[in-house]
Amino acid sequence: MSRDAINAICAGFPGAEVSDPWGGGHDAWKVGGKMFASIGAVTPGVSVKCAGIEQAEMLIDAGVGVKARYFHRSWITLPFDSDPEELAHRLRESYRIIRAGLPRKVQAALGAF
């Protein structure tokens, strides 16, 4: 999957916004001001949030992704050549996890997901 394809998926999530907070060509996707996906400027992959450290470790052990550099241990990086369905699923799950942590008022303003 390409950077453009990943950006297209993320852009379809309610309230999702992209920025380059660190400069240099990073795509940081956020909902309610909280990041749910990040595409680095150099490494060909996307970092996503997992439900917890245990899930991240399980996905790493299964070969789905690798530890996301510079992120908490509950984040993994999926290479661009990952299975497209798995990649789309992990993006949706990361969005869902971050969105669920937002205040109810903010979640309601985002609409259905």
N, C-alpha and C. Protein backbone atom coordinates (compact mmCIF):
# COMPACT_ATOMS: atom_id res chain seq x y z
N MET A 1 0.86 -1.17 0.00
CA MET A 1 0.00 0.00 0.00
C MET A 1 0.90 1.23 0.00
N SER A 2 0.48 2.27 -0.63
CA SER A 2 1.30 3.47 -0.74
C SER A 2 0.93 4.50 0.34
N ARG A 3 1.78 5.47 0.48
CA ARG A 3 1.53 6.59 1.39
C ARG A 3 0.21 7.27 1.03
N ASP A 4 -0.02 7.47 -0.26
CA ASP A 4 -1.26 8.12 -0.71
C ASP A 4 -2.49 7.29 -0.34
N ALA A 5 -2.40 5.97 -0.48
CA ALA A 5 -3.52 5.10 -0.14
C ALA A 5 -3.81 5.14 1.36
N ILE A 6 -2.76 5.13 2.17
CA ILE A 6 -2.94 5.21 3.62
C ILE A 6 -3.56 6.56 4.00
N ASN A 7 -3.06 7.63 3.39
CA ASN A 7 -3.62 8.95 3.66
C ASN A 7 -5.09 9.02 3.25
N ALA A 8 -5.46 8.35 2.17
CA ALA A 8 -6.86 8.34 1.72
C ALA A 8 -7.75 7.62 2.74
N ILE A 9 -7.26 6.51 3.29
CA ILE A 9 -8.03 5.80 4.32
C ILE A 9 -8.22 6.69 5.54
N CYS A 10 -7.13 7.28 6.02
CA CYS A 10 -7.20 8.13 7.22
C CYS A 10 -8.10 9.34 6.99
N ALA A 11 -8.06 9.91 5.81
CA ALA A 11 -8.87 11.08 5.50
C ALA A 11 -10.36 10.76 5.54
N GLY A 12 -10.72 9.49 5.41
CA GLY A 12 -12.12 9.09 5.43
C GLY A 12 -12.70 8.95 6.82
N PHE A 13 -11.88 9.01 7.85
CA PHE A 13 -12.37 8.89 9.22
C PHE A 13 -12.94 10.23 9.69
N PRO A 14 -14.11 10.22 10.35
CA PRO A 14 -14.72 11.47 10.81
C PRO A 14 -13.80 12.28 11.71
N GLY A 15 -13.60 13.55 11.36
CA GLY A 15 -12.79 14.45 12.18
C GLY A 15 -11.29 14.28 12.05
N ALA A 16 -10.83 13.40 11.17
CA ALA A 16 -9.39 13.17 11.02
C ALA A 16 -8.72 14.34 10.32
N GLU A 17 -7.58 14.74 10.85
CA GLU A 17 -6.81 15.84 10.28
C GLU A 17 -5.34 15.44 10.22
N VAL A 18 -4.66 15.91 9.18
CA VAL A 18 -3.25 15.59 9.01
C VAL A 18 -2.41 16.84 9.21
N SER A 19 -1.22 16.64 9.77
CA SER A 19 -0.28 17.75 9.95
C SER A 19 1.13 17.19 9.87
N ASP A 20 2.11 18.07 9.88
CA ASP A 20 3.53 17.68 9.88
C ASP A 20 4.17 18.38 11.08
N PRO A 21 3.90 17.87 12.31
CA PRO A 21 4.34 18.57 13.51
C PRO A 21 5.86 18.63 13.71
N TRP A 22 6.59 17.70 13.12
CA TRP A 22 8.04 17.65 13.31
C TRP A 22 8.79 18.21 12.11
N GLY A 23 8.07 18.55 11.06
CA GLY A 23 8.71 19.03 9.84
C GLY A 23 9.38 17.89 9.09
N GLY A 24 9.79 18.15 7.90
CA GLY A 24 10.53 17.15 7.14
C GLY A 24 9.72 16.12 6.40
N GLY A 25 8.41 16.29 6.30
CA GLY A 25 7.59 15.39 5.50
C GLY A 25 6.91 14.26 6.23
N HIS A 26 6.66 14.41 7.51
CA HIS A 26 5.90 13.42 8.26
C HIS A 26 4.41 13.69 8.09
N ASP A 27 3.60 12.65 8.09
CA ASP A 27 2.15 12.80 8.10
C ASP A 27 1.65 12.27 9.44
N ALA A 28 1.18 13.17 10.30
CA ALA A 28 0.63 12.78 11.59
C ALA A 28 -0.88 12.94 11.52
N TRP A 29 -1.60 11.84 11.57
CA TRP A 29 -3.07 11.87 11.53
C TRP A 29 -3.61 11.93 12.94
N LYS A 30 -4.51 12.88 13.17
CA LYS A 30 -5.06 13.09 14.51
C LYS A 30 -6.57 13.18 14.44
N VAL A 31 -7.19 12.83 15.57
CA VAL A 31 -8.61 13.05 15.77
C VAL A 31 -8.75 13.69 17.15
N GLY A 32 -9.46 14.80 17.22
CA GLY A 32 -9.60 15.50 18.50
C GLY A 32 -8.27 15.95 19.07
N GLY A 33 -7.28 16.18 18.21
CA GLY A 33 -5.97 16.62 18.65
C GLY A 33 -5.05 15.50 19.11
N LYS A 34 -5.49 14.26 19.04
CA LYS A 34 -4.70 13.10 19.47
C LYS A 34 -4.31 12.26 18.26
N MET A 35 -3.05 11.90 18.17
CA MET A 35 -2.55 11.16 17.02
C MET A 35 -2.99 9.70 17.03
N PHE A 36 -3.45 9.22 15.86
CA PHE A 36 -3.80 7.81 15.72
C PHE A 36 -2.96 7.10 14.65
N ALA A 37 -2.26 7.85 13.81
CA ALA A 37 -1.40 7.24 12.80
C ALA A 37 -0.31 8.23 12.41
N SER A 38 0.86 7.69 12.09
CA SER A 38 1.98 8.54 11.68
C SER A 38 2.78 7.85 10.60
N ILE A 39 2.99 8.58 9.52
CA ILE A 39 3.83 8.08 8.43
C ILE A 39 5.11 8.90 8.48
N GLY A 40 6.22 8.21 8.65
CA GLY A 40 7.50 8.89 8.76
C GLY A 40 7.99 9.42 7.43
N ALA A 41 8.98 10.27 7.50
CA ALA A 41 9.55 10.87 6.29
C ALA A 41 10.52 9.93 5.59
N VAL A 42 11.09 8.98 6.32
CA VAL A 42 12.12 8.11 5.75
C VAL A 42 11.69 6.65 5.71
N THR A 43 11.26 6.11 6.83
CA THR A 43 10.92 4.69 6.92
C THR A 43 9.61 4.42 6.17
N PRO A 44 9.60 3.44 5.26
CA PRO A 44 8.38 3.14 4.49
C PRO A 44 7.37 2.33 5.29
N GLY A 45 6.57 3.00 6.07
CA GLY A 45 5.56 2.34 6.88
C GLY A 45 4.72 3.35 7.64
N VAL A 46 3.72 2.84 8.35
CA VAL A 46 2.83 3.69 9.13
C VAL A 46 2.78 3.14 10.56
N SER A 47 2.87 4.04 11.52
CA SER A 47 2.80 3.66 12.94
C SER A 47 1.37 3.86 13.42
N VAL A 48 0.89 2.87 14.18
CA VAL A 48 -0.48 2.90 14.70
C VAL A 48 -0.51 2.49 16.16
N LYS A 49 -1.53 2.94 16.85
CA LYS A 49 -1.74 2.62 18.26
C LYS A 49 -2.43 1.27 18.37
N CYS A 50 -2.01 0.46 19.33
CA CYS A 50 -2.66 -0.81 19.62
C CYS A 50 -3.44 -0.68 20.92
N ALA A 51 -4.26 -1.67 21.22
CA ALA A 51 -5.08 -1.63 22.43
C ALA A 51 -4.23 -1.63 23.70
N GLY A 52 -3.02 -2.10 23.62
CA GLY A 52 -2.14 -2.12 24.78
C GLY A 52 -0.78 -2.69 24.41
N ILE A 53 0.12 -2.69 25.37
CA ILE A 53 1.47 -3.20 25.14
C ILE A 53 1.43 -4.68 24.76
N GLU A 54 0.56 -5.44 25.43
CA GLU A 54 0.47 -6.87 25.14
C GLU A 54 0.06 -7.13 23.70
N GLN A 55 -0.91 -6.39 23.21
CA GLN A 55 -1.34 -6.58 21.83
C GLN A 55 -0.23 -6.19 20.85
N ALA A 56 0.44 -5.10 21.15
CA ALA A 56 1.54 -4.66 20.29
C ALA A 56 2.63 -5.74 20.24
N GLU A 57 2.98 -6.30 21.39
CA GLU A 57 3.99 -7.35 21.43
C GLU A 57 3.55 -8.59 20.67
N MET A 58 2.27 -8.94 20.78
CA MET A 58 1.74 -10.09 20.06
C MET A 58 1.83 -9.87 18.54
N LEU A 59 1.48 -8.67 18.08
CA LEU A 59 1.54 -8.37 16.65
C LEU A 59 2.99 -8.35 16.15
N ILE A 60 3.88 -7.87 16.99
CA ILE A 60 5.31 -7.88 16.63
C ILE A 60 5.81 -9.32 16.53
N ASP A 61 5.46 -10.15 17.54
CA ASP A 61 5.87 -11.56 17.53
C ASP A 61 5.30 -12.32 16.34
N ALA A 62 4.08 -11.93 15.90
CA ALA A 62 3.43 -12.59 14.77
C ALA A 62 3.97 -12.09 13.43
N GLY A 63 4.84 -11.07 13.48
CA GLY A 63 5.42 -10.55 12.25
C GLY A 63 4.56 -9.56 11.50
N VAL A 64 3.50 -9.09 12.15
CA VAL A 64 2.61 -8.11 11.51
C VAL A 64 3.28 -6.75 11.40
N GLY A 65 4.03 -6.39 12.42
CA GLY A 65 4.71 -5.09 12.44
C GLY A 65 5.96 -5.16 13.30
N VAL A 66 6.57 -4.02 13.50
CA VAL A 66 7.75 -3.89 14.34
C VAL A 66 7.51 -2.79 15.36
N LYS A 67 8.35 -2.76 16.38
CA LYS A 67 8.22 -1.69 17.38
C LYS A 67 8.36 -0.34 16.70
N ALA A 68 7.46 0.56 17.01
CA ALA A 68 7.50 1.90 16.43
C ALA A 68 8.57 2.73 17.15
N ARG A 69 9.56 3.17 16.40
CA ARG A 69 10.62 3.99 17.00
C ARG A 69 10.03 5.31 17.49
N TYR A 70 10.51 5.76 18.64
CA TYR A 70 10.16 7.03 19.25
C TYR A 70 8.74 7.08 19.81
N PHE A 71 8.00 5.96 19.76
CA PHE A 71 6.64 5.92 20.28
C PHE A 71 6.58 5.02 21.50
N HIS A 72 5.47 5.13 22.24
CA HIS A 72 5.22 4.26 23.38
C HIS A 72 5.18 2.81 22.91
N ARG A 73 5.38 1.88 23.82
CA ARG A 73 5.42 0.46 23.47
C ARG A 73 4.09 -0.09 22.97
N SER A 74 3.01 0.68 23.10
CA SER A 74 1.71 0.24 22.59
C SER A 74 1.50 0.62 21.12
N TRP A 75 2.54 1.14 20.49
CA TRP A 75 2.49 1.50 19.06
C TRP A 75 3.38 0.53 18.27
N ILE A 76 2.92 0.21 17.05
CA ILE A 76 3.73 -0.59 16.14
C ILE A 76 3.81 0.11 14.79
N THR A 77 4.82 -0.25 14.02
CA THR A 77 4.94 0.25 12.65
C THR A 77 4.68 -0.90 11.69
N LEU A 78 3.75 -0.66 10.77
CA LEU A 78 3.42 -1.62 9.74
C LEU A 78 4.08 -1.18 8.44
N PRO A 79 4.82 -2.07 7.77
CA PRO A 79 5.45 -1.68 6.51
C PRO A 79 4.40 -1.47 5.42
N PHE A 80 4.73 -0.65 4.44
CA PHE A 80 3.81 -0.37 3.34
C PHE A 80 3.42 -1.64 2.59
N ASP A 81 4.28 -2.66 2.58
CA ASP A 81 3.97 -3.88 1.84
C ASP A 81 3.19 -4.89 2.68
N SER A 82 2.63 -4.46 3.83
CA SER A 82 1.76 -5.33 4.63
C SER A 82 0.50 -5.65 3.84
N ASP A 83 -0.18 -6.69 4.28
CA ASP A 83 -1.46 -7.05 3.68
C ASP A 83 -2.39 -5.82 3.74
N PRO A 84 -2.95 -5.38 2.60
CA PRO A 84 -3.78 -4.18 2.59
C PRO A 84 -4.97 -4.23 3.55
N GLU A 85 -5.60 -5.40 3.68
CA GLU A 85 -6.74 -5.52 4.60
C GLU A 85 -6.29 -5.37 6.05
N GLU A 86 -5.15 -5.98 6.38
CA GLU A 86 -4.61 -5.87 7.74
C GLU A 86 -4.24 -4.41 8.04
N LEU A 87 -3.64 -3.76 7.08
CA LEU A 87 -3.23 -2.37 7.25
C LEU A 87 -4.45 -1.48 7.47
N ALA A 88 -5.48 -1.65 6.66
CA ALA A 88 -6.71 -0.86 6.80
C ALA A 88 -7.37 -1.15 8.15
N HIS A 89 -7.37 -2.42 8.56
CA HIS A 89 -7.96 -2.79 9.85
C HIS A 89 -7.21 -2.12 11.00
N ARG A 90 -5.88 -2.16 10.96
CA ARG A 90 -5.08 -1.55 12.04
C ARG A 90 -5.27 -0.04 12.09
N LEU A 91 -5.43 0.61 10.94
CA LEU A 91 -5.70 2.05 10.92
C LEU A 91 -7.05 2.35 11.57
N ARG A 92 -8.08 1.56 11.22
CA ARG A 92 -9.41 1.74 11.81
C ARG A 92 -9.37 1.53 13.32
N GLU A 93 -8.66 0.46 13.75
CA GLU A 93 -8.58 0.16 15.18
C GLU A 93 -7.85 1.27 15.94
N SER A 94 -6.77 1.77 15.38
CA SER A 94 -6.03 2.84 16.02
C SER A 94 -6.91 4.08 16.17
N TYR A 95 -7.62 4.41 15.09
CA TYR A 95 -8.55 5.55 15.14
C TYR A 95 -9.60 5.32 16.23
N ARG A 96 -10.18 4.11 16.27
CA ARG A 96 -11.22 3.79 17.24
C ARG A 96 -10.70 3.92 18.67
N ILE A 97 -9.48 3.42 18.92
CA ILE A 97 -8.88 3.48 20.26
C ILE A 97 -8.69 4.93 20.70
N ILE A 98 -8.13 5.74 19.83
CA ILE A 98 -7.88 7.15 20.17
C ILE A 98 -9.20 7.90 20.34
N ARG A 99 -10.12 7.67 19.42
CA ARG A 99 -11.42 8.35 19.48
C ARG A 99 -12.15 7.99 20.77
N ALA A 100 -12.09 6.72 21.20
CA ALA A 100 -12.77 6.29 22.42
C ALA A 100 -12.22 6.99 23.66
N GLY A 101 -10.99 7.46 23.61
CA GLY A 101 -10.39 8.16 24.74
C GLY A 101 -10.71 9.65 24.80
N LEU A 102 -11.39 10.14 23.78
CA LEU A 102 -11.75 11.57 23.76
C LEU A 102 -12.97 11.81 24.64
N PRO A 103 -13.16 13.04 25.13
CA PRO A 103 -14.36 13.35 25.90
C PRO A 103 -15.63 13.05 25.08
N ARG A 104 -16.69 12.63 25.75
CA ARG A 104 -17.93 12.26 25.07
C ARG A 104 -18.48 13.37 24.18
N LYS A 105 -18.34 14.58 24.63
CA LYS A 105 -18.84 15.72 23.87
C LYS A 105 -18.09 15.83 22.53
N VAL A 106 -16.79 15.62 22.57
CA VAL A 106 -15.99 15.67 21.34
C VAL A 106 -16.36 14.51 20.44
N GLN A 107 -16.51 13.30 21.02
CA GLN A 107 -16.91 12.14 20.22
C GLN A 107 -18.26 12.37 19.54
N ALA A 108 -19.21 12.93 20.27
CA ALA A 108 -20.53 13.17 19.70
C ALA A 108 -20.47 14.16 18.55
N ALA A 109 -19.60 15.16 18.66
CA ALA A 109 -19.47 16.17 17.61
C ALA A 109 -18.86 15.59 16.33
N LEU A 110 -18.14 14.48 16.46
CA LEU A 110 -17.50 13.86 15.30
C LEU A 110 -18.49 13.11 14.41
N GLY A 111 -19.61 12.71 14.98
CA GLY A 111 -20.59 11.95 14.23
C GLY A 111 -20.32 10.45 14.32
N ALA A 112 -21.08 9.68 13.57
CA ALA A 112 -20.99 8.23 13.62
C ALA A 112 -19.71 7.71 12.99
N PHE A 113 -19.27 6.56 13.52
CA PHE A 113 -18.11 5.87 12.94
C PHE A 113 -18.42 4.40 12.85
